[in-house]
């Protein structure tokens, strides 16, 4: 195994030290895992939109009138009972 030396900002070093203590693992192991994840193109956080990207817009809602202006004027009035628009 080769040795790699790098410089990191103080705040990143502090975060790495804290994480190493939390996990009770060497800093080098944490850095190796992070580097491997980066090189493999892995994302730590993935949005719901990213996860459902292949489904978004694929299926119709079944309501043909949902975007028509005349239907939007009364949107929500039925569910509010006696409330009236001003």
C-alpha atoms as a PDB file:
ATOM      1  CA  UNK A   1       0.000   0.000   0.000  1.00  0.00           C
ATOM      2  CA  UNK A   2       1.295   3.453  -0.912  1.00  0.00           C
ATOM      3  CA  UNK A   3       1.423   6.445   1.393  1.00  0.00           C
ATOM      4  CA  UNK A   4      -0.285   9.682   0.407  1.00  0.00           C
ATOM      5  CA  UNK A   5       0.349  12.973   2.193  1.00  0.00           C
ATOM      6  CA  UNK A   6      -2.054  15.871   1.814  1.00  0.00           C
ATOM      7  CA  UNK A   7      -2.842  19.201   3.388  1.00  0.00           C
ATOM      8  CA  UNK A   8      -6.371  19.948   4.565  1.00  0.00           C
ATOM      9  CA  UNK A   9      -7.923  23.078   6.075  1.00  0.00           C
ATOM     10  CA  UNK A  10      -8.126  23.169   9.867  1.00  0.00           C
ATOM     11  CA  UNK A  11     -11.919  22.820   9.930  1.00  0.00           C
ATOM     12  CA  UNK A  12     -11.788  19.716   7.727  1.00  0.00           C
ATOM     13  CA  UNK A  13      -9.070  18.217   9.908  1.00  0.00           C
ATOM     14  CA  UNK A  14     -11.215  18.875  12.987  1.00  0.00           C
ATOM     15  CA  UNK A  15     -14.206  17.170  11.359  1.00  0.00           C
ATOM     16  CA  UNK A  16     -12.049  14.188  10.381  1.00  0.00           C
ATOM     17  CA  UNK A  17     -10.642  13.889  13.914  1.00  0.00           C
ATOM     18  CA  UNK A  18     -14.143  14.050  15.416  1.00  0.00           C
ATOM     19  CA  UNK A  19     -15.478  11.438  12.993  1.00  0.00           C
ATOM     20  CA  UNK A  20     -12.550   9.112  13.672  1.00  0.00           C
ATOM     21  CA  UNK A  21     -13.221   9.327  17.418  1.00  0.00           C
ATOM     22  CA  UNK A  22     -16.973   8.762  16.913  1.00  0.00           C
ATOM     23  CA  UNK A  23     -16.394   5.654  14.810  1.00  0.00           C
ATOM     24  CA  UNK A  24     -13.326   4.512  16.751  1.00  0.00           C
ATOM     25  CA  UNK A  25     -11.467   4.097  13.442  1.00  0.00           C
ATOM     26  CA  UNK A  26      -8.210   5.464  12.085  1.00  0.00           C
ATOM     27  CA  UNK A  27      -8.401   8.679  10.083  1.00  0.00           C
ATOM     28  CA  UNK A  28      -6.676   6.939   7.178  1.00  0.00           C
ATOM     29  CA  UNK A  29      -9.512   4.395   6.933  1.00  0.00           C
ATOM     30  CA  UNK A  30     -12.142   7.142   6.817  1.00  0.00           C
ATOM     31  CA  UNK A  31     -10.216   9.044   4.152  1.00  0.00           C
ATOM     32  CA  UNK A  32      -9.734   5.843   2.101  1.00  0.00           C
ATOM     33  CA  UNK A  33     -13.476   5.122   2.197  1.00  0.00           C
ATOM     34  CA  UNK A  34     -14.362   8.704   1.252  1.00  0.00           C
ATOM     35  CA  UNK A  35     -11.859   8.712  -1.613  1.00  0.00           C
ATOM     36  CA  UNK A  36     -13.108   5.381  -2.905  1.00  0.00           C
ATOM     37  CA  UNK A  37     -16.726   6.571  -2.775  1.00  0.00           C
ATOM     38  CA  UNK A  38     -15.781   9.742  -4.665  1.00  0.00           C
ATOM     39  CA  UNK A  39     -13.868   7.854  -7.344  1.00  0.00           C
ATOM     40  CA  UNK A  40     -16.710   5.353  -7.771  1.00  0.00           C
ATOM     41  CA  UNK A  41     -19.164   8.212  -8.284  1.00  0.00           C
ATOM     42  CA  UNK A  42     -21.212   7.361  -5.216  1.00  0.00           C
ATOM     43  CA  UNK A  43     -23.438  10.041  -3.723  1.00  0.00           C
ATOM     44  CA  UNK A  44     -23.808  10.163   0.029  1.00  0.00           C
ATOM     45  CA  UNK A  45     -27.042  12.146  -0.142  1.00  0.00           C
ATOM     46  CA  UNK A  46     -29.536  11.637  -2.898  1.00  0.00           C
ATOM     47  CA  UNK A  47     -32.643  13.755  -3.240  1.00  0.00           C
ATOM     48  CA  UNK A  48     -36.062  12.182  -3.613  1.00  0.00           C
ATOM     49  CA  UNK A  49     -36.252  13.713  -7.075  1.00  0.00           C
ATOM     50  CA  UNK A  50     -33.024  11.947  -8.024  1.00  0.00           C
ATOM     51  CA  UNK A  51     -34.396   8.664  -6.708  1.00  0.00           C
ATOM     52  CA  UNK A  52     -37.701   9.028  -8.563  1.00  0.00           C
ATOM     53  CA  UNK A  53     -36.326  10.706 -11.708  1.00  0.00           C
ATOM     54  CA  UNK A  54     -37.334   7.789 -13.917  1.00  0.00           C
ATOM     55  CA  UNK A  55     -40.931   8.020 -12.648  1.00  0.00           C
ATOM     56  CA  UNK A  56     -41.496  11.790 -12.604  1.00  0.00           C
ATOM     57  CA  UNK A  57     -43.717  12.766 -15.503  1.00  0.00           C
ATOM     58  CA  UNK A  58     -44.056   9.199 -16.697  1.00  0.00           C
ATOM     59  CA  UNK A  59     -47.623   8.669 -15.512  1.00  0.00           C
ATOM     60  CA  UNK A  60     -50.622  10.946 -15.897  1.00  0.00           C
ATOM     61  CA  UNK A  61     -52.586  11.954 -12.831  1.00  0.00           C
ATOM     62  CA  UNK A  62     -55.882  11.052 -14.452  1.00  0.00           C
ATOM     63  CA  UNK A  63     -57.237  14.592 -14.067  1.00  0.00           C
ATOM     64  CA  UNK A  64     -57.364  16.297 -17.426  1.00  0.00           C
ATOM     65  CA  UNK A  65     -58.723  19.587 -16.056  1.00  0.00           C
ATOM     66  CA  UNK A  66     -56.194  20.187 -13.276  1.00  0.00           C
ATOM     67  CA  UNK A  67     -54.228  22.822 -15.169  1.00  0.00           C
ATOM     68  CA  UNK A  68     -57.103  24.678 -16.820  1.00  0.00           C
ATOM     69  CA  UNK A  69     -57.597  28.230 -15.464  1.00  0.00           C
ATOM     70  CA  UNK A  70     -61.356  27.958 -14.988  1.00  0.00           C
ATOM     71  CA  UNK A  71     -60.904  24.926 -12.734  1.00  0.00           C
ATOM     72  CA  UNK A  72     -58.170  26.585 -10.699  1.00  0.00           C
ATOM     73  CA  UNK A  73     -60.507  29.454  -9.688  1.00  0.00           C
ATOM     74  CA  UNK A  74     -62.506  27.159  -7.407  1.00  0.00           C
ATOM     75  CA  UNK A  75     -59.575  25.110  -6.188  1.00  0.00           C
ATOM     76  CA  UNK A  76     -59.966  24.429  -2.468  1.00  0.00           C
ATOM     77  CA  UNK A  77     -63.365  26.082  -2.065  1.00  0.00           C
ATOM     78  CA  UNK A  78     -65.266  22.837  -1.545  1.00  0.00           C
ATOM     79  CA  UNK A  79     -63.002  21.679   1.238  1.00  0.00           C
ATOM     80  CA  UNK A  80     -63.215  25.009   3.106  1.00  0.00           C
ATOM     81  CA  UNK A  81     -66.986  24.830   3.581  1.00  0.00           C
ATOM     82  CA  UNK A  82     -68.481  28.255   4.232  1.00  0.00           C
ATOM     83  CA  UNK A  83     -65.339  30.232   3.348  1.00  0.00           C
ATOM     84  CA  UNK A  84     -65.840  32.418   0.289  1.00  0.00           C
ATOM     85  CA  UNK A  85     -63.329  34.122  -1.971  1.00  0.00           C
ATOM     86  CA  UNK A  86     -63.162  37.892  -1.701  1.00  0.00           C
END
